[in-house]
N, C-alpha and C. Protein backbone atom coordinates (compact mmCIF):
# COMPACT_ATOMS: atom_id res chain seq x y z
N MET A 1 -14.73 29.15 -44.43
CA MET A 1 -13.97 28.39 -45.41
C MET A 1 -13.88 29.18 -46.72
N THR A 2 -12.80 28.96 -47.41
CA THR A 2 -12.54 29.62 -48.69
C THR A 2 -12.48 28.56 -49.77
N LYS A 3 -13.05 28.87 -50.93
CA LYS A 3 -13.03 27.94 -52.05
C LYS A 3 -11.95 28.38 -53.03
N ILE A 4 -11.11 27.43 -53.46
CA ILE A 4 -10.09 27.67 -54.48
C ILE A 4 -10.46 26.87 -55.71
N LEU A 5 -10.57 27.57 -56.84
CA LEU A 5 -10.87 26.92 -58.11
C LEU A 5 -9.61 26.87 -58.95
N THR A 6 -9.26 25.68 -59.41
CA THR A 6 -8.12 25.52 -60.33
C THR A 6 -8.66 24.92 -61.62
N SER A 7 -7.80 24.71 -62.59
CA SER A 7 -8.25 24.15 -63.87
C SER A 7 -8.69 22.71 -63.74
N THR A 8 -8.33 22.04 -62.65
CA THR A 8 -8.66 20.62 -62.52
C THR A 8 -9.66 20.31 -61.40
N ALA A 9 -9.82 21.21 -60.44
CA ALA A 9 -10.68 20.88 -59.29
C ALA A 9 -11.04 22.13 -58.50
N GLU A 10 -11.87 21.92 -57.49
CA GLU A 10 -12.12 22.99 -56.53
C GLU A 10 -11.89 22.42 -55.14
N HIS A 11 -11.37 23.28 -54.27
CA HIS A 11 -10.97 22.85 -52.93
C HIS A 11 -11.49 23.84 -51.89
N GLU A 12 -11.90 23.32 -50.76
CA GLU A 12 -12.27 24.14 -49.61
C GLU A 12 -11.06 24.18 -48.68
N VAL A 13 -10.62 25.38 -48.32
CA VAL A 13 -9.47 25.54 -47.43
C VAL A 13 -9.78 26.60 -46.38
N ALA A 14 -9.04 26.55 -45.31
CA ALA A 14 -9.10 27.61 -44.31
C ALA A 14 -8.07 28.65 -44.70
N ALA A 15 -8.52 29.87 -44.98
CA ALA A 15 -7.60 30.93 -45.42
C ALA A 15 -7.79 32.15 -44.54
N ARG A 16 -6.73 32.96 -44.46
CA ARG A 16 -6.81 34.21 -43.70
C ARG A 16 -6.11 35.30 -44.49
N ASP A 17 -6.47 36.53 -44.24
CA ASP A 17 -5.78 37.69 -44.84
C ASP A 17 -5.52 37.51 -46.34
N GLY A 18 -6.55 37.28 -47.07
CA GLY A 18 -6.39 37.04 -48.50
C GLY A 18 -6.35 35.55 -48.75
N LEU A 19 -5.22 35.03 -49.19
CA LEU A 19 -5.11 33.60 -49.47
C LEU A 19 -3.92 32.97 -48.75
N TRP A 20 -3.73 33.35 -47.50
CA TRP A 20 -2.74 32.67 -46.66
C TRP A 20 -3.35 31.36 -46.22
N VAL A 21 -2.71 30.25 -46.59
CA VAL A 21 -3.24 28.93 -46.25
C VAL A 21 -2.13 28.08 -45.63
N SER A 22 -2.52 27.01 -44.97
CA SER A 22 -1.53 26.10 -44.39
C SER A 22 -0.78 25.40 -45.51
N ALA A 23 0.39 24.90 -45.18
CA ALA A 23 1.19 24.17 -46.16
C ALA A 23 0.43 22.94 -46.65
N THR A 24 -0.30 22.30 -45.76
CA THR A 24 -1.09 21.12 -46.11
C THR A 24 -2.19 21.47 -47.10
N ASP A 25 -2.92 22.57 -46.84
CA ASP A 25 -3.98 22.98 -47.75
C ASP A 25 -3.41 23.41 -49.11
N ALA A 26 -2.26 24.07 -49.10
CA ALA A 26 -1.63 24.48 -50.36
C ALA A 26 -1.28 23.26 -51.20
N GLU A 27 -0.69 22.26 -50.57
CA GLU A 27 -0.31 21.06 -51.31
C GLU A 27 -1.55 20.33 -51.84
N ARG A 28 -2.59 20.25 -51.05
CA ARG A 28 -3.81 19.59 -51.48
C ARG A 28 -4.47 20.33 -52.64
N ALA A 29 -4.44 21.66 -52.60
CA ALA A 29 -5.12 22.47 -53.63
C ALA A 29 -4.34 22.57 -54.94
N ILE A 30 -3.02 22.76 -54.86
CA ILE A 30 -2.26 23.02 -56.09
C ILE A 30 -1.13 22.03 -56.37
N GLY A 31 -0.87 21.11 -55.42
CA GLY A 31 0.14 20.09 -55.68
C GLY A 31 1.58 20.52 -55.43
N TRP A 32 1.78 21.70 -54.85
CA TRP A 32 3.13 22.17 -54.52
C TRP A 32 3.32 22.05 -53.02
N THR A 33 4.53 21.67 -52.60
CA THR A 33 4.85 21.45 -51.19
C THR A 33 5.75 22.56 -50.67
N LEU A 34 5.43 23.08 -49.50
CA LEU A 34 6.27 24.10 -48.88
C LEU A 34 7.47 23.43 -48.22
N LYS A 35 8.66 23.82 -48.66
CA LYS A 35 9.91 23.30 -48.11
C LYS A 35 10.79 24.49 -47.76
N PRO A 36 11.87 24.29 -47.02
CA PRO A 36 12.76 25.41 -46.69
C PRO A 36 13.29 26.16 -47.91
N GLU A 37 13.45 25.45 -49.03
CA GLU A 37 13.97 26.10 -50.24
C GLU A 37 12.89 26.81 -51.05
N GLY A 38 11.64 26.67 -50.67
CA GLY A 38 10.54 27.34 -51.36
C GLY A 38 9.38 26.39 -51.59
N MET A 39 8.57 26.70 -52.58
CA MET A 39 7.46 25.82 -52.96
C MET A 39 7.99 24.85 -54.00
N CYS A 40 7.78 23.55 -53.78
CA CYS A 40 8.39 22.53 -54.63
C CYS A 40 7.36 21.54 -55.16
N ARG A 41 7.60 21.11 -56.39
CA ARG A 41 6.82 20.03 -57.01
C ARG A 41 7.81 19.20 -57.80
N ALA A 42 7.91 17.93 -57.46
CA ALA A 42 8.90 17.02 -58.05
C ALA A 42 10.30 17.62 -57.84
N ASP A 43 11.06 17.81 -58.91
CA ASP A 43 12.42 18.33 -58.79
C ASP A 43 12.50 19.85 -58.91
N VAL A 44 11.36 20.51 -59.06
CA VAL A 44 11.34 21.96 -59.27
C VAL A 44 10.98 22.66 -57.96
N CYS A 45 11.80 23.63 -57.56
CA CYS A 45 11.51 24.45 -56.39
C CYS A 45 11.54 25.92 -56.79
N VAL A 46 10.56 26.66 -56.31
CA VAL A 46 10.46 28.08 -56.58
C VAL A 46 10.74 28.82 -55.28
N PRO A 47 11.87 29.55 -55.20
CA PRO A 47 12.16 30.30 -53.98
C PRO A 47 11.06 31.33 -53.72
N MET A 48 10.72 31.50 -52.45
CA MET A 48 9.66 32.43 -52.08
C MET A 48 10.24 33.55 -51.23
N PRO A 49 9.76 34.78 -51.42
CA PRO A 49 10.20 35.87 -50.55
C PRO A 49 9.71 35.62 -49.13
N ALA A 50 10.47 36.06 -48.17
CA ALA A 50 10.12 35.83 -46.76
C ALA A 50 8.74 36.38 -46.43
N ALA A 51 8.32 37.45 -47.09
CA ALA A 51 7.02 38.06 -46.81
C ALA A 51 5.86 37.18 -47.25
N ALA A 52 6.11 36.15 -48.08
CA ALA A 52 5.04 35.30 -48.58
C ALA A 52 5.01 33.92 -47.93
N VAL A 53 5.88 33.72 -46.93
CA VAL A 53 5.95 32.42 -46.26
C VAL A 53 5.93 32.65 -44.75
N GLY A 54 5.10 31.85 -44.08
CA GLY A 54 5.05 31.89 -42.62
C GLY A 54 5.63 30.62 -42.04
N ARG A 55 5.38 30.39 -40.77
CA ARG A 55 5.93 29.22 -40.09
C ARG A 55 5.51 27.91 -40.77
N ASN A 56 4.27 27.73 -41.01
CA ASN A 56 3.79 26.56 -41.73
C ASN A 56 2.65 26.95 -42.66
N GLU A 57 2.80 28.13 -43.29
CA GLU A 57 1.77 28.63 -44.19
C GLU A 57 2.41 29.44 -45.31
N VAL A 58 1.62 29.65 -46.35
CA VAL A 58 2.12 30.35 -47.53
C VAL A 58 1.02 31.24 -48.09
N ASP A 59 1.43 32.37 -48.65
CA ASP A 59 0.50 33.24 -49.36
C ASP A 59 0.35 32.66 -50.76
N LEU A 60 -0.71 31.89 -50.94
CA LEU A 60 -0.91 31.17 -52.19
C LEU A 60 -1.11 32.10 -53.38
N ALA A 61 -1.74 33.24 -53.15
CA ALA A 61 -1.93 34.21 -54.24
C ALA A 61 -0.57 34.75 -54.70
N ALA A 62 0.31 35.05 -53.77
CA ALA A 62 1.64 35.55 -54.13
C ALA A 62 2.43 34.49 -54.88
N PHE A 63 2.34 33.24 -54.40
CA PHE A 63 3.05 32.16 -55.07
C PHE A 63 2.53 31.96 -56.49
N TRP A 64 1.21 31.93 -56.65
CA TRP A 64 0.64 31.69 -57.97
C TRP A 64 1.01 32.81 -58.93
N SER A 65 1.00 34.03 -58.44
CA SER A 65 1.40 35.17 -59.27
C SER A 65 2.87 35.04 -59.68
N LYS A 66 3.70 34.56 -58.76
CA LYS A 66 5.12 34.38 -59.07
C LYS A 66 5.30 33.35 -60.19
N LEU A 67 4.42 32.36 -60.23
CA LEU A 67 4.47 31.36 -61.31
C LEU A 67 4.00 31.93 -62.64
N GLY A 68 3.35 33.09 -62.60
CA GLY A 68 2.84 33.70 -63.81
C GLY A 68 1.39 33.36 -64.10
N GLY A 69 0.72 32.79 -63.11
CA GLY A 69 -0.68 32.44 -63.29
C GLY A 69 -1.59 33.56 -62.82
N PRO A 70 -2.70 33.76 -63.51
CA PRO A 70 -3.65 34.78 -63.08
C PRO A 70 -4.36 34.35 -61.79
N VAL A 71 -4.60 35.32 -60.92
CA VAL A 71 -5.28 35.09 -59.64
C VAL A 71 -6.41 36.10 -59.53
N VAL A 72 -7.63 35.62 -59.33
CA VAL A 72 -8.76 36.52 -59.12
C VAL A 72 -9.56 36.02 -57.93
N ALA A 73 -10.24 36.96 -57.28
CA ALA A 73 -11.06 36.61 -56.11
C ALA A 73 -12.35 37.41 -56.12
N THR A 74 -13.34 36.87 -55.45
CA THR A 74 -14.56 37.63 -55.26
C THR A 74 -14.27 38.80 -54.32
N ASP A 75 -15.16 39.78 -54.28
CA ASP A 75 -14.97 40.94 -53.41
C ASP A 75 -14.84 40.53 -51.94
N THR A 76 -15.51 39.46 -51.56
CA THR A 76 -15.47 39.00 -50.17
C THR A 76 -14.34 38.02 -49.90
N HIS A 77 -13.55 37.70 -50.91
CA HIS A 77 -12.41 36.78 -50.82
C HIS A 77 -12.78 35.39 -50.32
N ASP A 78 -14.02 34.98 -50.60
CA ASP A 78 -14.40 33.62 -50.20
C ASP A 78 -14.24 32.61 -51.35
N VAL A 79 -14.04 33.12 -52.56
CA VAL A 79 -13.77 32.25 -53.71
C VAL A 79 -12.59 32.85 -54.49
N TRP A 80 -11.60 32.00 -54.76
CA TRP A 80 -10.41 32.39 -55.51
C TRP A 80 -10.28 31.48 -56.72
N ALA A 81 -9.89 32.03 -57.85
CA ALA A 81 -9.62 31.25 -59.05
C ALA A 81 -8.15 31.41 -59.41
N LEU A 82 -7.48 30.28 -59.57
CA LEU A 82 -6.07 30.26 -59.95
C LEU A 82 -5.99 29.70 -61.36
N GLY A 83 -5.70 30.56 -62.32
CA GLY A 83 -5.63 30.15 -63.72
C GLY A 83 -4.26 29.63 -64.08
N GLY A 84 -4.21 28.85 -65.13
CA GLY A 84 -2.94 28.31 -65.60
C GLY A 84 -2.05 29.42 -66.14
N PRO A 85 -0.74 29.34 -65.89
CA PRO A 85 0.18 30.33 -66.43
C PRO A 85 0.11 30.38 -67.96
N ALA A 86 0.50 31.49 -68.54
CA ALA A 86 0.45 31.67 -69.99
C ALA A 86 1.21 30.58 -70.72
N SER A 87 2.33 30.15 -70.16
CA SER A 87 3.12 29.10 -70.83
C SER A 87 2.31 27.81 -70.95
N GLU A 88 1.52 27.47 -69.93
CA GLU A 88 0.67 26.27 -70.00
C GLU A 88 -0.43 26.44 -71.05
N ARG A 89 -1.06 27.61 -71.03
CA ARG A 89 -2.13 27.86 -72.00
C ARG A 89 -1.58 27.84 -73.42
N ASN A 90 -0.42 28.44 -73.63
CA ASN A 90 0.20 28.45 -74.96
C ASN A 90 0.55 27.04 -75.42
N ALA A 91 1.10 26.24 -74.51
CA ALA A 91 1.46 24.87 -74.86
C ALA A 91 0.23 24.07 -75.24
N ALA A 92 -0.88 24.28 -74.54
CA ALA A 92 -2.11 23.56 -74.85
C ALA A 92 -2.65 23.97 -76.21
N LEU A 93 -2.47 25.22 -76.59
CA LEU A 93 -3.00 25.71 -77.87
C LEU A 93 -2.11 25.36 -79.06
N GLU A 94 -0.82 25.11 -78.81
CA GLU A 94 0.11 24.87 -79.91
C GLU A 94 -0.29 23.70 -80.79
N GLY A 95 -0.82 22.66 -80.19
CA GLY A 95 -1.16 21.47 -80.95
C GLY A 95 -2.51 21.55 -81.63
N LEU A 96 -3.27 22.59 -81.38
CA LEU A 96 -4.59 22.69 -81.98
C LEU A 96 -4.50 23.27 -83.39
N GLU A 97 -5.39 22.82 -84.24
CA GLU A 97 -5.39 23.32 -85.61
C GLU A 97 -6.81 23.75 -85.96
N ALA A 98 -6.93 24.96 -86.46
CA ALA A 98 -8.24 25.48 -86.86
C ALA A 98 -8.70 24.79 -88.13
N PRO A 99 -10.00 24.65 -88.31
CA PRO A 99 -10.49 24.06 -89.57
C PRO A 99 -10.19 25.00 -90.73
N ASP A 100 -10.00 24.43 -91.90
CA ASP A 100 -9.68 25.25 -93.07
C ASP A 100 -10.95 25.94 -93.58
N PHE A 101 -10.80 27.17 -94.02
CA PHE A 101 -11.90 27.93 -94.62
C PHE A 101 -11.33 28.99 -95.54
N THR A 102 -12.18 29.54 -96.39
CA THR A 102 -11.80 30.61 -97.30
C THR A 102 -12.77 31.76 -97.12
N LEU A 103 -12.23 32.96 -96.90
CA LEU A 103 -13.02 34.18 -96.75
C LEU A 103 -12.31 35.32 -97.47
N PRO A 104 -13.06 36.32 -97.91
CA PRO A 104 -12.40 37.47 -98.54
C PRO A 104 -11.73 38.35 -97.49
N ASP A 105 -10.55 38.89 -97.85
CA ASP A 105 -9.90 39.83 -96.94
C ASP A 105 -10.53 41.21 -97.12
N ILE A 106 -9.97 42.21 -96.52
CA ILE A 106 -10.55 43.56 -96.54
C ILE A 106 -10.63 44.14 -97.95
N ASP A 107 -9.77 43.63 -98.86
CA ASP A 107 -9.79 44.10 -100.25
C ASP A 107 -10.64 43.20 -101.16
N GLY A 108 -11.30 42.21 -100.58
CA GLY A 108 -12.14 41.31 -101.35
C GLY A 108 -11.42 40.13 -101.96
N VAL A 109 -10.12 39.99 -101.68
CA VAL A 109 -9.35 38.87 -102.22
C VAL A 109 -9.61 37.64 -101.36
N PRO A 110 -10.02 36.52 -101.95
CA PRO A 110 -10.25 35.31 -101.16
C PRO A 110 -8.95 34.80 -100.53
N ARG A 111 -9.00 34.50 -99.26
CA ARG A 111 -7.84 33.96 -98.53
C ARG A 111 -8.24 32.65 -97.89
N THR A 112 -7.40 31.65 -98.05
CA THR A 112 -7.64 30.34 -97.46
C THR A 112 -6.69 30.18 -96.28
N LEU A 113 -7.24 29.76 -95.17
CA LEU A 113 -6.44 29.65 -93.95
C LEU A 113 -5.26 28.70 -94.13
N SER A 114 -5.48 27.57 -94.80
CA SER A 114 -4.39 26.59 -94.96
C SER A 114 -3.21 27.17 -95.73
N ALA A 115 -3.43 28.19 -96.57
CA ALA A 115 -2.33 28.82 -97.32
C ALA A 115 -1.44 29.65 -96.40
N LEU A 116 -1.91 29.92 -95.21
CA LEU A 116 -1.16 30.74 -94.25
C LEU A 116 -0.48 29.90 -93.18
N ARG A 117 -0.55 28.59 -93.27
CA ARG A 117 0.07 27.72 -92.25
C ARG A 117 1.53 28.09 -92.08
N GLY A 118 1.97 28.10 -90.83
CA GLY A 118 3.34 28.45 -90.51
C GLY A 118 3.56 29.93 -90.30
N LYS A 119 2.55 30.73 -90.59
CA LYS A 119 2.64 32.18 -90.39
C LYS A 119 1.72 32.57 -89.23
N LYS A 120 2.04 33.66 -88.58
CA LYS A 120 1.16 34.16 -87.52
C LYS A 120 -0.05 34.80 -88.19
N VAL A 121 -1.22 34.45 -87.68
CA VAL A 121 -2.47 34.94 -88.25
C VAL A 121 -3.32 35.53 -87.14
N PHE A 122 -3.83 36.71 -87.36
CA PHE A 122 -4.78 37.32 -86.43
C PHE A 122 -6.14 37.25 -87.09
N LEU A 123 -7.06 36.57 -86.45
CA LEU A 123 -8.40 36.41 -86.99
C LEU A 123 -9.37 37.07 -86.04
N ALA A 124 -10.05 38.10 -86.51
CA ALA A 124 -11.03 38.81 -85.68
C ALA A 124 -12.42 38.43 -86.16
N THR A 125 -13.29 38.12 -85.22
CA THR A 125 -14.67 37.79 -85.55
C THR A 125 -15.60 38.72 -84.81
N TRP A 126 -16.81 38.81 -85.32
CA TRP A 126 -17.78 39.70 -84.69
C TRP A 126 -19.16 39.14 -84.95
N ALA A 127 -20.05 39.31 -84.00
CA ALA A 127 -21.44 38.92 -84.19
C ALA A 127 -22.32 40.00 -83.58
N SER A 128 -23.45 40.27 -84.21
CA SER A 128 -24.33 41.32 -83.73
C SER A 128 -25.19 40.87 -82.56
N TRP A 129 -25.26 39.60 -82.30
CA TRP A 129 -26.09 39.11 -81.22
C TRP A 129 -25.25 38.99 -80.01
């Protein structure tokens, strides 16, 4: 058995040759259904290349990569992690707001984060421990 980790759950599936799984296991693990037009969820269908779809199975790693989500596996391919696509991660971060603080910049000028609202800010931190 192979374990698939997603942002919401973990699932045990029967997989072969990487992450080829049955259509039923794919739907249970990620919520997408294999249909003739591709992998579908609600009204959205993602066409799949013929090389990533079998008779009643799908290469889940190929599909997830096509969605733009990161896919990683252990060396033995018994555990796979499917991360959320960048668009999902960005959307989740958009509504977050950092706490306000004031620190000196590289020239010693005090800068307050709230004064930079609406601008892109790169904040680098470092710790010796």
